[in-house]
Amino acid sequence: MSHHPIQGTSNQIRPYYHYLRLSIFNRMEAIQVLDKSFVPYLSHKEILSRIGEIAKEIDQNYPNSAPLLLGVLNGSYRFLADLSAALQSDCEVQFIKVKSYSGTESTGKMREVMGLDVDVAGRDVIVVEDIVDTGHTMEYLIGELKRANPKSIEIATLLYKPDAYKGNHKMTYCGFEIPNLFVVGYGLDYNENGRNLNDIYQIKS
């Protein structure tokens, strides 16, 4: 299984890292979600470790500010919960819901289901996503947020698919860059199933 380098680390992944991943995968089993089979991709331990690193970056970047963490439901709830818990500095947590998925394909069509109920004018906002692939949802959401005149807007995503991305905004905080494959678990779903899994799995080819 090929894997893109992890953001914030050397492009040369150390040999013992591969050994640890293989050891972890030996204890993870393939799963079935509805009519699809999935195989292990990222362990819960790997995910939490990377989130801890992202939290340190955010703490360093906002020493005198309490940023607004704006989670995109439903997928970001696990990532946002663990990220906010790992922060040492103050923050505020809010959610917005934008529907863009059906089955295993992005529809590219958005409709706002639940909007902001807090004033973001003059605030430092960090949009928190579980995954950014085409970027359609992010482009739409940032466009809406800019109309509310925040001080700044940054993006924090657990997973990022650079090969699929068609947007214009940089991923300020990125957990893992991954190939253009379908994944489930740790908040990510397949037709609303699988969000409760602690690990992340990729669809079996």
N, C-alpha and C. Protein backbone atom coordinates (compact mmCIF):
# COMPACT_ATOMS: atom_id res chain seq x y z
N MET A 1 0.85 -1.20 0.00
CA MET A 1 0.00 0.00 0.00
C MET A 1 0.87 1.24 0.00
N SER A 2 0.69 2.10 -0.95
CA SER A 2 1.44 3.34 -1.01
C SER A 2 0.76 4.38 -0.15
N HIS A 3 1.54 5.30 0.36
CA HIS A 3 0.99 6.33 1.22
C HIS A 3 1.76 7.61 0.98
N HIS A 4 1.07 8.73 0.86
CA HIS A 4 1.73 10.01 0.70
C HIS A 4 2.43 10.37 2.00
N PRO A 5 3.50 11.19 1.95
CA PRO A 5 4.18 11.63 3.17
C PRO A 5 3.22 12.38 4.09
N ILE A 6 3.45 12.27 5.36
CA ILE A 6 2.63 12.97 6.35
C ILE A 6 3.09 14.41 6.43
N GLN A 7 2.14 15.32 6.42
CA GLN A 7 2.46 16.73 6.50
C GLN A 7 3.25 17.01 7.77
N GLY A 8 4.28 17.86 7.64
CA GLY A 8 5.02 18.26 8.81
C GLY A 8 6.14 17.31 9.17
N THR A 9 6.36 16.24 8.42
CA THR A 9 7.43 15.30 8.69
C THR A 9 8.33 15.19 7.48
N SER A 10 9.44 14.53 7.65
CA SER A 10 10.37 14.33 6.55
C SER A 10 9.71 13.50 5.45
N ASN A 11 10.11 13.77 4.20
CA ASN A 11 9.59 12.97 3.10
C ASN A 11 10.13 11.55 3.13
N GLN A 12 11.23 11.34 3.85
CA GLN A 12 11.79 10.00 3.99
C GLN A 12 11.19 9.35 5.22
N ILE A 13 10.23 8.46 5.03
CA ILE A 13 9.60 7.78 6.15
C ILE A 13 10.57 6.72 6.67
N ARG A 14 10.86 6.74 7.95
CA ARG A 14 11.88 5.88 8.53
C ARG A 14 11.46 4.41 8.46
N PRO A 15 12.45 3.50 8.32
CA PRO A 15 12.13 2.07 8.23
C PRO A 15 11.34 1.55 9.41
N TYR A 16 11.67 2.02 10.63
CA TYR A 16 10.94 1.49 11.78
C TYR A 16 9.49 1.92 11.78
N TYR A 17 9.19 3.05 11.11
CA TYR A 17 7.80 3.50 11.00
C TYR A 17 7.00 2.49 10.19
N HIS A 18 7.59 2.00 9.09
CA HIS A 18 6.94 0.97 8.30
C HIS A 18 6.72 -0.29 9.13
N TYR A 19 7.71 -0.63 9.95
CA TYR A 19 7.59 -1.83 10.79
C TYR A 19 6.45 -1.66 11.79
N LEU A 20 6.36 -0.49 12.40
CA LEU A 20 5.29 -0.24 13.37
C LEU A 20 3.93 -0.30 12.70
N ARG A 21 3.83 0.25 11.49
CA ARG A 21 2.55 0.23 10.78
C ARG A 21 2.14 -1.19 10.45
N LEU A 22 3.10 -2.00 10.00
CA LEU A 22 2.79 -3.40 9.69
C LEU A 22 2.37 -4.14 10.94
N SER A 23 3.02 -3.82 12.07
CA SER A 23 2.67 -4.47 13.33
C SER A 23 1.25 -4.11 13.75
N ILE A 24 0.91 -2.84 13.59
CA ILE A 24 -0.44 -2.38 13.93
C ILE A 24 -1.46 -3.03 13.01
N PHE A 25 -1.16 -3.07 11.70
CA PHE A 25 -2.10 -3.64 10.74
C PHE A 25 -2.34 -5.12 11.00
N ASN A 26 -1.33 -5.83 11.53
CA ASN A 26 -1.50 -7.24 11.83
C ASN A 26 -2.56 -7.46 12.90
N ARG A 27 -2.82 -6.42 13.70
CA ARG A 27 -3.82 -6.53 14.76
C ARG A 27 -5.16 -5.93 14.33
N MET A 28 -5.21 -5.35 13.15
CA MET A 28 -6.45 -4.80 12.60
C MET A 28 -6.97 -5.76 11.54
N GLU A 29 -8.26 -5.89 11.47
CA GLU A 29 -8.86 -6.84 10.54
C GLU A 29 -9.70 -6.12 9.50
N ALA A 30 -9.86 -6.76 8.35
CA ALA A 30 -10.76 -6.24 7.33
C ALA A 30 -12.18 -6.25 7.88
N ILE A 31 -12.99 -5.30 7.41
CA ILE A 31 -14.35 -5.15 7.91
C ILE A 31 -15.33 -5.04 6.76
N GLN A 32 -16.60 -5.20 7.09
CA GLN A 32 -17.69 -5.05 6.14
C GLN A 32 -18.57 -3.90 6.60
N VAL A 33 -18.83 -2.95 5.73
CA VAL A 33 -19.76 -1.86 6.00
C VAL A 33 -20.81 -1.88 4.89
N LEU A 34 -22.03 -2.23 5.27
CA LEU A 34 -23.11 -2.44 4.31
C LEU A 34 -22.65 -3.44 3.25
N ASP A 35 -22.62 -3.04 1.98
CA ASP A 35 -22.27 -3.99 0.92
C ASP A 35 -20.81 -3.89 0.47
N LYS A 36 -19.98 -3.12 1.21
CA LYS A 36 -18.60 -2.92 0.80
C LYS A 36 -17.63 -3.51 1.82
N SER A 37 -16.50 -4.00 1.32
CA SER A 37 -15.43 -4.51 2.18
C SER A 37 -14.32 -3.45 2.28
N PHE A 38 -13.77 -3.31 3.47
CA PHE A 38 -12.72 -2.33 3.72
C PHE A 38 -11.55 -2.99 4.44
N VAL A 39 -10.35 -2.49 4.16
CA VAL A 39 -9.13 -3.02 4.78
C VAL A 39 -8.45 -1.90 5.57
N PRO A 40 -7.63 -2.24 6.57
CA PRO A 40 -7.00 -1.23 7.43
C PRO A 40 -6.16 -0.22 6.65
N TYR A 41 -6.22 1.05 7.10
CA TYR A 41 -5.45 2.10 6.45
C TYR A 41 -4.66 2.94 7.46
N LEU A 42 -5.35 3.52 8.45
CA LEU A 42 -4.70 4.29 9.51
C LEU A 42 -5.24 3.83 10.86
N SER A 43 -4.34 3.57 11.79
CA SER A 43 -4.77 3.12 13.12
C SER A 43 -5.17 4.32 13.98
N HIS A 44 -5.97 4.05 15.00
CA HIS A 44 -6.39 5.09 15.94
C HIS A 44 -5.18 5.74 16.61
N LYS A 45 -4.17 4.95 16.92
CA LYS A 45 -2.96 5.47 17.55
C LYS A 45 -2.25 6.46 16.64
N GLU A 46 -2.13 6.14 15.36
CA GLU A 46 -1.50 7.05 14.40
C GLU A 46 -2.29 8.36 14.29
N ILE A 47 -3.61 8.23 14.25
CA ILE A 47 -4.47 9.41 14.11
C ILE A 47 -4.30 10.35 15.30
N LEU A 48 -4.37 9.81 16.51
CA LEU A 48 -4.26 10.64 17.71
C LEU A 48 -2.88 11.28 17.83
N SER A 49 -1.85 10.57 17.42
CA SER A 49 -0.50 11.12 17.47
C SER A 49 -0.38 12.32 16.55
N ARG A 50 -0.91 12.21 15.35
CA ARG A 50 -0.84 13.33 14.40
C ARG A 50 -1.70 14.50 14.85
N ILE A 51 -2.85 14.22 15.45
CA ILE A 51 -3.70 15.30 15.97
C ILE A 51 -2.97 16.08 17.05
N GLY A 52 -2.23 15.38 17.88
CA GLY A 52 -1.44 16.06 18.91
C GLY A 52 -0.43 17.03 18.32
N GLU A 53 0.17 16.64 17.20
CA GLU A 53 1.12 17.52 16.52
C GLU A 53 0.43 18.75 15.94
N ILE A 54 -0.74 18.55 15.37
CA ILE A 54 -1.50 19.67 14.81
C ILE A 54 -1.91 20.64 15.92
N ALA A 55 -2.34 20.10 17.06
CA ALA A 55 -2.74 20.94 18.19
C ALA A 55 -1.59 21.84 18.65
N LYS A 56 -0.39 21.30 18.66
CA LYS A 56 0.78 22.10 19.06
C LYS A 56 1.01 23.25 18.07
N GLU A 57 0.82 22.97 16.79
CA GLU A 57 0.96 24.02 15.77
C GLU A 57 -0.05 25.14 15.99
N ILE A 58 -1.29 24.76 16.27
CA ILE A 58 -2.34 25.76 16.50
C ILE A 58 -2.03 26.57 17.76
N ASP A 59 -1.60 25.92 18.81
CA ASP A 59 -1.24 26.63 20.05
C ASP A 59 -0.17 27.68 19.78
N GLN A 60 0.81 27.32 18.97
CA GLN A 60 1.91 28.23 18.65
C GLN A 60 1.45 29.39 17.78
N ASN A 61 0.49 29.14 16.91
CA ASN A 61 0.05 30.17 15.97
C ASN A 61 -0.97 31.14 16.54
N TYR A 62 -1.59 30.79 17.66
CA TYR A 62 -2.61 31.67 18.27
C TYR A 62 -2.30 31.89 19.76
N PRO A 63 -1.14 32.50 20.06
CA PRO A 63 -0.76 32.67 21.47
C PRO A 63 -1.65 33.66 22.23
N ASN A 64 -2.24 34.60 21.49
CA ASN A 64 -3.04 35.65 22.14
C ASN A 64 -4.47 35.69 21.62
N SER A 65 -4.93 34.58 21.08
CA SER A 65 -6.26 34.54 20.50
C SER A 65 -6.92 33.21 20.80
N ALA A 66 -8.24 33.24 20.95
CA ALA A 66 -9.02 32.01 21.12
C ALA A 66 -9.74 31.75 19.81
N PRO A 67 -9.16 30.95 18.92
CA PRO A 67 -9.77 30.75 17.60
C PRO A 67 -11.11 30.04 17.68
N LEU A 68 -11.94 30.31 16.69
CA LEU A 68 -13.21 29.60 16.55
C LEU A 68 -12.97 28.38 15.68
N LEU A 69 -13.16 27.19 16.26
CA LEU A 69 -13.05 25.95 15.50
C LEU A 69 -14.42 25.62 14.94
N LEU A 70 -14.53 25.69 13.63
CA LEU A 70 -15.81 25.51 12.96
C LEU A 70 -15.82 24.14 12.28
N GLY A 71 -16.48 23.18 12.92
CA GLY A 71 -16.51 21.82 12.40
C GLY A 71 -17.58 21.64 11.35
N VAL A 72 -17.24 20.93 10.28
CA VAL A 72 -18.19 20.62 9.21
C VAL A 72 -18.79 19.25 9.50
N LEU A 73 -20.07 19.24 9.86
CA LEU A 73 -20.77 17.98 10.17
C LEU A 73 -21.13 17.24 8.88
N ASN A 74 -21.25 15.87 8.92
CA ASN A 74 -21.16 15.12 10.16
C ASN A 74 -19.75 14.61 10.43
N GLY A 75 -18.94 14.52 9.38
CA GLY A 75 -17.70 13.78 9.47
C GLY A 75 -16.65 14.29 10.41
N SER A 76 -16.63 15.59 10.70
CA SER A 76 -15.53 16.16 11.48
C SER A 76 -15.68 15.99 12.99
N TYR A 77 -16.79 15.42 13.46
CA TYR A 77 -17.06 15.45 14.90
C TYR A 77 -15.99 14.74 15.72
N ARG A 78 -15.45 13.63 15.21
CA ARG A 78 -14.42 12.91 15.95
C ARG A 78 -13.11 13.71 15.95
N PHE A 79 -12.72 14.17 14.78
CA PHE A 79 -11.49 14.95 14.64
C PHE A 79 -11.55 16.21 15.48
N LEU A 80 -12.66 16.94 15.42
CA LEU A 80 -12.78 18.18 16.17
C LEU A 80 -12.77 17.94 17.67
N ALA A 81 -13.42 16.88 18.12
CA ALA A 81 -13.43 16.57 19.56
C ALA A 81 -12.03 16.30 20.07
N ASP A 82 -11.28 15.47 19.36
CA ASP A 82 -9.92 15.14 19.80
C ASP A 82 -8.96 16.30 19.62
N LEU A 83 -9.15 17.09 18.56
CA LEU A 83 -8.28 18.25 18.34
C LEU A 83 -8.48 19.30 19.42
N SER A 84 -9.72 19.63 19.73
CA SER A 84 -9.98 20.64 20.76
C SER A 84 -9.50 20.18 22.12
N ALA A 85 -9.60 18.88 22.41
CA ALA A 85 -9.13 18.34 23.69
C ALA A 85 -7.61 18.40 23.79
N ALA A 86 -6.93 18.33 22.65
CA ALA A 86 -5.46 18.35 22.65
C ALA A 86 -4.89 19.76 22.73
N LEU A 87 -5.71 20.77 22.49
CA LEU A 87 -5.23 22.15 22.56
C LEU A 87 -4.97 22.57 24.00
N GLN A 88 -3.90 23.31 24.20
CA GLN A 88 -3.59 23.88 25.51
C GLN A 88 -4.17 25.28 25.66
N SER A 89 -4.44 25.94 24.54
CA SER A 89 -4.98 27.30 24.55
C SER A 89 -6.50 27.28 24.47
N ASP A 90 -7.10 28.45 24.69
CA ASP A 90 -8.55 28.57 24.64
C ASP A 90 -9.04 28.49 23.19
N CYS A 91 -10.27 28.02 23.03
CA CYS A 91 -10.89 27.99 21.71
C CYS A 91 -12.40 27.93 21.90
N GLU A 92 -13.12 28.22 20.82
CA GLU A 92 -14.58 28.08 20.80
C GLU A 92 -14.93 27.07 19.72
N VAL A 93 -15.94 26.26 19.96
CA VAL A 93 -16.33 25.21 19.02
C VAL A 93 -17.75 25.45 18.53
N GLN A 94 -17.91 25.47 17.21
CA GLN A 94 -19.22 25.58 16.58
C GLN A 94 -19.25 24.62 15.39
N PHE A 95 -20.48 24.38 14.87
CA PHE A 95 -20.62 23.45 13.75
C PHE A 95 -21.49 24.05 12.65
N ILE A 96 -21.21 23.60 11.43
CA ILE A 96 -22.07 23.89 10.29
C ILE A 96 -22.19 22.59 9.50
N LYS A 97 -23.32 22.40 8.83
CA LYS A 97 -23.53 21.18 8.05
C LYS A 97 -23.77 21.54 6.60
N VAL A 98 -22.97 20.93 5.72
CA VAL A 98 -23.09 21.13 4.27
C VAL A 98 -23.07 19.75 3.63
N LYS A 99 -24.12 19.40 2.92
CA LYS A 99 -24.22 18.06 2.34
C LYS A 99 -23.56 18.03 0.96
N SER A 100 -22.63 17.07 0.76
CA SER A 100 -21.99 16.97 -0.55
C SER A 100 -21.73 15.54 -0.98
N TYR A 101 -22.06 14.55 -0.14
CA TYR A 101 -21.75 13.16 -0.47
C TYR A 101 -23.00 12.30 -0.60
N SER A 102 -22.91 11.33 -1.50
CA SER A 102 -23.92 10.29 -1.63
C SER A 102 -23.20 9.02 -2.04
N GLY A 103 -23.25 7.99 -1.21
CA GLY A 103 -22.53 6.75 -1.49
C GLY A 103 -21.04 6.96 -1.40
N THR A 104 -20.29 6.56 -2.44
CA THR A 104 -18.84 6.69 -2.44
C THR A 104 -18.34 7.81 -3.34
N GLU A 105 -19.24 8.59 -3.90
CA GLU A 105 -18.85 9.65 -4.82
C GLU A 105 -19.33 11.01 -4.32
N SER A 106 -18.52 12.03 -4.55
CA SER A 106 -18.92 13.39 -4.23
C SER A 106 -19.85 13.91 -5.32
N THR A 107 -20.99 14.44 -4.93
CA THR A 107 -21.96 14.92 -5.91
C THR A 107 -21.57 16.29 -6.45
N GLY A 108 -20.77 17.03 -5.68
CA GLY A 108 -20.40 18.37 -6.10
C GLY A 108 -21.51 19.38 -5.90
N LYS A 109 -22.62 18.95 -5.33
CA LYS A 109 -23.75 19.83 -5.07
C LYS A 109 -23.88 20.08 -3.58
N MET A 110 -23.97 21.33 -3.18
CA MET A 110 -24.04 21.67 -1.78
C MET A 110 -25.38 22.31 -1.42
N ARG A 111 -25.84 22.07 -0.23
CA ARG A 111 -26.97 22.81 0.31
C ARG A 111 -26.73 22.98 1.80
N GLU A 112 -26.85 24.18 2.29
CA GLU A 112 -26.59 24.44 3.69
C GLU A 112 -27.76 23.95 4.51
N VAL A 113 -27.50 23.05 5.42
CA VAL A 113 -28.53 22.49 6.27
C VAL A 113 -28.59 23.20 7.61
N MET A 114 -27.44 23.45 8.18
CA MET A 114 -27.40 24.13 9.48
C MET A 114 -26.34 25.21 9.42
N GLY A 115 -26.75 26.46 9.62
CA GLY A 115 -25.83 27.58 9.49
C GLY A 115 -25.21 28.01 10.80
N LEU A 116 -24.38 29.02 10.70
CA LEU A 116 -23.72 29.58 11.87
C LEU A 116 -24.72 30.30 12.77
N ASP A 117 -24.54 30.10 14.07
CA ASP A 117 -25.37 30.86 15.02
C ASP A 117 -24.50 31.72 15.92
N VAL A 118 -23.30 32.04 15.43
CA VAL A 118 -22.38 32.90 16.18
C VAL A 118 -21.79 33.92 15.21
N ASP A 119 -21.53 35.12 15.71
CA ASP A 119 -20.95 36.17 14.89
C ASP A 119 -19.45 35.91 14.72
N VAL A 120 -18.99 35.78 13.47
CA VAL A 120 -17.57 35.51 13.23
C VAL A 120 -16.81 36.76 12.81
N ALA A 121 -17.46 37.89 12.75
CA ALA A 121 -16.80 39.13 12.34
C ALA A 121 -15.61 39.41 13.27
N GLY A 122 -14.45 39.63 12.67
CA GLY A 122 -13.26 39.95 13.45
C GLY A 122 -12.64 38.76 14.17
N ARG A 123 -13.14 37.56 13.93
CA ARG A 123 -12.64 36.37 14.63
C ARG A 123 -11.64 35.60 13.77
N ASP A 124 -10.74 34.89 14.45
CA ASP A 124 -9.87 33.93 13.78
C ASP A 124 -10.63 32.61 13.68
N VAL A 125 -10.90 32.17 12.46
CA VAL A 125 -11.71 30.98 12.24
C VAL A 125 -10.84 29.86 11.65
N ILE A 126 -10.97 28.68 12.21
CA ILE A 126 -10.34 27.49 11.64
C ILE A 126 -11.45 26.52 11.25
N VAL A 127 -11.60 26.30 9.94
CA VAL A 127 -12.59 25.35 9.45
C VAL A 127 -12.02 23.94 9.61
N VAL A 128 -12.74 23.09 10.31
CA VAL A 128 -12.25 21.74 10.62
C VAL A 128 -13.03 20.71 9.82
N GLU A 129 -12.32 19.96 8.98
CA GLU A 129 -12.93 18.95 8.11
C GLU A 129 -12.33 17.58 8.40
N ASP A 130 -13.12 16.53 8.16
CA ASP A 130 -12.58 15.18 8.25
C ASP A 130 -11.74 14.87 7.03
N ILE A 131 -12.20 15.30 5.84
CA ILE A 131 -11.48 15.02 4.60
C ILE A 131 -11.77 16.10 3.57
N VAL A 132 -10.75 16.48 2.83
CA VAL A 132 -10.90 17.40 1.70
C VAL A 132 -10.43 16.66 0.46
N ASP A 133 -11.34 16.47 -0.49
CA ASP A 133 -10.95 15.83 -1.75
C ASP A 133 -11.09 16.81 -2.91
N THR A 134 -12.25 16.92 -3.53
CA THR A 134 -12.39 17.86 -4.65
C THR A 134 -12.30 19.31 -4.19
N GLY A 135 -12.70 19.57 -2.95
CA GLY A 135 -12.67 20.93 -2.43
C GLY A 135 -13.94 21.72 -2.69
N HIS A 136 -14.94 21.10 -3.30
CA HIS A 136 -16.19 21.81 -3.60
C HIS A 136 -16.84 22.34 -2.32
N THR A 137 -16.91 21.49 -1.31
CA THR A 137 -17.53 21.91 -0.05
C THR A 137 -16.76 23.05 0.59
N MET A 138 -15.44 22.93 0.60
CA MET A 138 -14.60 23.96 1.24
C MET A 138 -14.71 25.30 0.52
N GLU A 139 -14.70 25.28 -0.82
CA GLU A 139 -14.82 26.53 -1.58
C GLU A 139 -16.14 27.23 -1.27
N TYR A 140 -17.20 26.44 -1.22
CA TYR A 140 -18.52 26.99 -0.92
C TYR A 140 -18.55 27.59 0.48
N LEU A 141 -18.03 26.85 1.45
CA LEU A 141 -18.09 27.28 2.84
C LEU A 141 -17.24 28.51 3.09
N ILE A 142 -16.04 28.55 2.54
CA ILE A 142 -15.18 29.72 2.74
C ILE A 142 -15.80 30.96 2.09
N GLY A 143 -16.42 30.76 0.95
CA GLY A 143 -17.11 31.88 0.31
C GLY A 143 -18.21 32.46 1.20
N GLU A 144 -18.96 31.57 1.84
CA GLU A 144 -20.00 32.01 2.76
C GLU A 144 -19.42 32.71 3.99
N LEU A 145 -18.33 32.17 4.52
CA LEU A 145 -17.71 32.75 5.71
C LEU A 145 -17.14 34.13 5.44
N LYS A 146 -16.54 34.32 4.29
CA LYS A 146 -15.93 35.61 3.97
C LYS A 146 -16.96 36.74 3.99
N ARG A 147 -18.19 36.40 3.68
CA ARG A 147 -19.25 37.41 3.70
C ARG A 147 -19.52 37.92 5.11
N ALA A 148 -19.08 37.14 6.13
CA ALA A 148 -19.29 37.54 7.52
C ALA A 148 -18.10 38.29 8.10
N ASN A 149 -17.09 38.54 7.27
CA ASN A 149 -15.93 39.37 7.65
C ASN A 149 -15.14 38.88 8.86
N PRO A 150 -14.70 37.63 8.84
CA PRO A 150 -13.81 37.18 9.92
C PRO A 150 -12.43 37.81 9.78
N LYS A 151 -11.65 37.79 10.85
CA LYS A 151 -10.28 38.30 10.81
C LYS A 151 -9.40 37.42 9.93
N SER A 152 -9.55 36.11 10.07
CA SER A 152 -8.78 35.17 9.27
C SER A 152 -9.55 33.86 9.13
N ILE A 153 -9.25 33.13 8.07
CA ILE A 153 -9.84 31.81 7.86
C ILE A 153 -8.72 30.84 7.50
N GLU A 154 -8.58 29.78 8.28
CA GLU A 154 -7.62 28.73 7.99
C GLU A 154 -8.37 27.39 7.92
N ILE A 155 -7.71 26.39 7.35
CA ILE A 155 -8.32 25.08 7.18
C ILE A 155 -7.52 24.03 7.94
N ALA A 156 -8.22 23.20 8.70
CA ALA A 156 -7.61 22.04 9.35
C ALA A 156 -8.37 20.81 8.88
N THR A 157 -7.69 19.90 8.22
CA THR A 157 -8.34 18.68 7.76
C THR A 157 -7.53 17.47 8.19
N LEU A 158 -8.22 16.43 8.60
CA LEU A 158 -7.53 15.21 8.98
C LEU A 158 -6.92 14.54 7.76
N LEU A 159 -7.71 14.43 6.68
CA LEU A 159 -7.26 13.78 5.45
C LEU A 159 -7.38 14.75 4.28
N TYR A 160 -6.44 14.63 3.35
CA TYR A 160 -6.43 15.52 2.18
C TYR A 160 -6.01 14.70 0.97
N LYS A 161 -6.80 14.82 -0.13
CA LYS A 161 -6.49 14.12 -1.37
C LYS A 161 -5.98 15.12 -2.41
N PRO A 162 -4.68 15.35 -2.47
CA PRO A 162 -4.15 16.36 -3.41
C PRO A 162 -4.43 16.03 -4.87
N ASP A 163 -4.50 14.75 -5.21
CA ASP A 163 -4.75 14.38 -6.61
C ASP A 163 -6.18 14.70 -7.05
N ALA A 164 -7.10 14.80 -6.09
CA ALA A 164 -8.49 15.08 -6.41
C ALA A 164 -8.86 16.55 -6.23
N TYR A 165 -8.00 17.31 -5.54
CA TYR A 165 -8.33 18.66 -5.13
C TYR A 165 -8.41 19.62 -6.31
N LYS A 166 -9.50 20.39 -6.37
CA LYS A 166 -9.72 21.36 -7.43
C LYS A 166 -9.95 22.77 -6.88
N GLY A 167 -9.72 22.93 -5.59
CA GLY A 167 -9.95 24.22 -4.96
C GLY A 167 -8.75 25.14 -5.02
N ASN A 168 -8.89 26.31 -4.40
CA ASN A 168 -7.84 27.33 -4.45
C ASN A 168 -7.22 27.63 -3.10
N HIS A 169 -7.69 26.97 -2.05
CA HIS A 169 -7.24 27.30 -0.71
C HIS A 169 -6.26 26.26 -0.16
N LYS A 170 -5.26 26.76 0.54
CA LYS A 170 -4.23 25.90 1.11
C LYS A 170 -4.74 25.22 2.37
N MET A 171 -4.33 23.95 2.57
CA MET A 171 -4.64 23.25 3.82
C MET A 171 -3.61 23.67 4.87
N THR A 172 -3.99 24.57 5.75
CA THR A 172 -3.06 25.09 6.74
C THR A 172 -2.58 24.00 7.69
N TYR A 173 -3.52 23.18 8.15
CA TYR A 173 -3.20 22.07 9.05
C TYR A 173 -3.74 20.79 8.42
N CYS A 174 -2.83 19.88 8.10
CA CYS A 174 -3.22 18.66 7.41
C CYS A 174 -2.68 17.45 8.17
N GLY A 175 -3.58 16.51 8.47
CA GLY A 175 -3.15 15.31 9.16
C GLY A 175 -2.38 14.37 8.26
N PHE A 176 -3.04 13.91 7.21
CA PHE A 176 -2.43 12.94 6.30
C PHE A 176 -2.85 13.24 4.86
N GLU A 177 -1.89 13.27 3.96
CA GLU A 177 -2.20 13.29 2.53
C GLU A 177 -2.38 11.84 2.09
N ILE A 178 -3.48 11.58 1.34
CA ILE A 178 -3.76 10.22 0.92
C ILE A 178 -4.07 10.19 -0.58
N PRO A 179 -3.91 9.03 -1.22
CA PRO A 179 -4.30 8.92 -2.63
C PRO A 179 -5.81 9.09 -2.79
N ASN A 180 -6.25 9.11 -4.02
CA ASN A 180 -7.67 9.30 -4.30
C ASN A 180 -8.43 7.99 -4.15
N LEU A 181 -8.61 7.57 -2.89
CA LEU A 181 -9.34 6.34 -2.59
C LEU A 181 -10.43 6.64 -1.57
N PHE A 182 -11.40 5.73 -1.45
CA PHE A 182 -12.52 5.94 -0.53
C PHE A 182 -12.20 5.31 0.81
N VAL A 183 -12.39 6.10 1.88
CA VAL A 183 -12.06 5.64 3.22
C VAL A 183 -13.26 5.80 4.15
N VAL A 184 -13.24 5.02 5.22
CA VAL A 184 -14.34 5.04 6.18
C VAL A 184 -13.77 4.87 7.59
N GLY A 185 -14.49 5.41 8.58
CA GLY A 185 -14.07 5.28 9.97
C GLY A 185 -13.62 6.61 10.55
N TYR A 186 -13.60 6.69 11.89
CA TYR A 186 -13.20 7.90 12.60
C TYR A 186 -13.96 9.13 12.09
N GLY A 187 -15.27 8.98 11.99
CA GLY A 187 -16.12 10.08 11.55
C GLY A 187 -16.51 10.01 10.09
N LEU A 188 -15.68 9.35 9.27
CA LEU A 188 -15.98 9.21 7.84
C LEU A 188 -16.97 8.07 7.64
N ASP A 189 -17.89 8.25 6.69
CA ASP A 189 -18.96 7.27 6.54
C ASP A 189 -19.07 6.71 5.14
N TYR A 190 -19.74 5.60 5.06
CA TYR A 190 -20.24 5.07 3.79
C TYR A 190 -21.75 4.97 3.94
N ASN A 191 -22.48 5.88 3.28
CA ASN A 191 -23.94 5.96 3.42
C ASN A 191 -24.36 6.00 4.88
N GLU A 192 -23.70 6.89 5.65
CA GLU A 192 -23.98 7.15 7.07
C GLU A 192 -23.61 6.01 8.00
N ASN A 193 -22.90 5.02 7.54
CA ASN A 193 -22.43 3.91 8.38
C ASN A 193 -20.91 3.95 8.48
N GLY A 194 -20.40 3.47 9.61
CA GLY A 194 -18.96 3.35 9.81
C GLY A 194 -18.30 4.52 10.52
N ARG A 195 -19.06 5.57 10.83
CA ARG A 195 -18.46 6.73 11.49
C ARG A 195 -17.89 6.37 12.87
N ASN A 196 -18.47 5.39 13.52
CA ASN A 196 -18.09 5.04 14.89
C ASN A 196 -16.79 4.26 14.99
N LEU A 197 -16.23 3.82 13.88
CA LEU A 197 -14.99 3.05 13.92
C LEU A 197 -13.83 3.92 14.39
N ASN A 198 -12.99 3.37 15.25
CA ASN A 198 -11.86 4.14 15.77
C ASN A 198 -10.73 4.27 14.76
N ASP A 199 -10.54 3.27 13.92
CA ASP A 199 -9.51 3.29 12.90
C ASP A 199 -10.11 3.75 11.57
N ILE A 200 -9.24 4.04 10.62
CA ILE A 200 -9.67 4.40 9.27
C ILE A 200 -9.33 3.25 8.33
N TYR A 201 -10.30 2.92 7.47
CA TYR A 201 -10.16 1.81 6.53
C TYR A 201 -10.35 2.30 5.11
N GLN A 202 -9.67 1.68 4.16
CA GLN A 202 -9.87 1.99 2.75
C GLN A 202 -10.69 0.90 2.09
N ILE A 203 -11.42 1.30 1.06
CA ILE A 203 -12.27 0.33 0.38
C ILE A 203 -11.39 -0.73 -0.31
N LYS A 204 -11.83 -1.96 -0.24
CA LYS A 204 -11.06 -3.07 -0.81
C LYS A 204 -11.28 -3.10 -2.32
N SER A 205 -10.16 -3.13 -3.05
CA SER A 205 -10.26 -3.11 -4.52
C SER A 205 -10.52 -4.50 -5.05
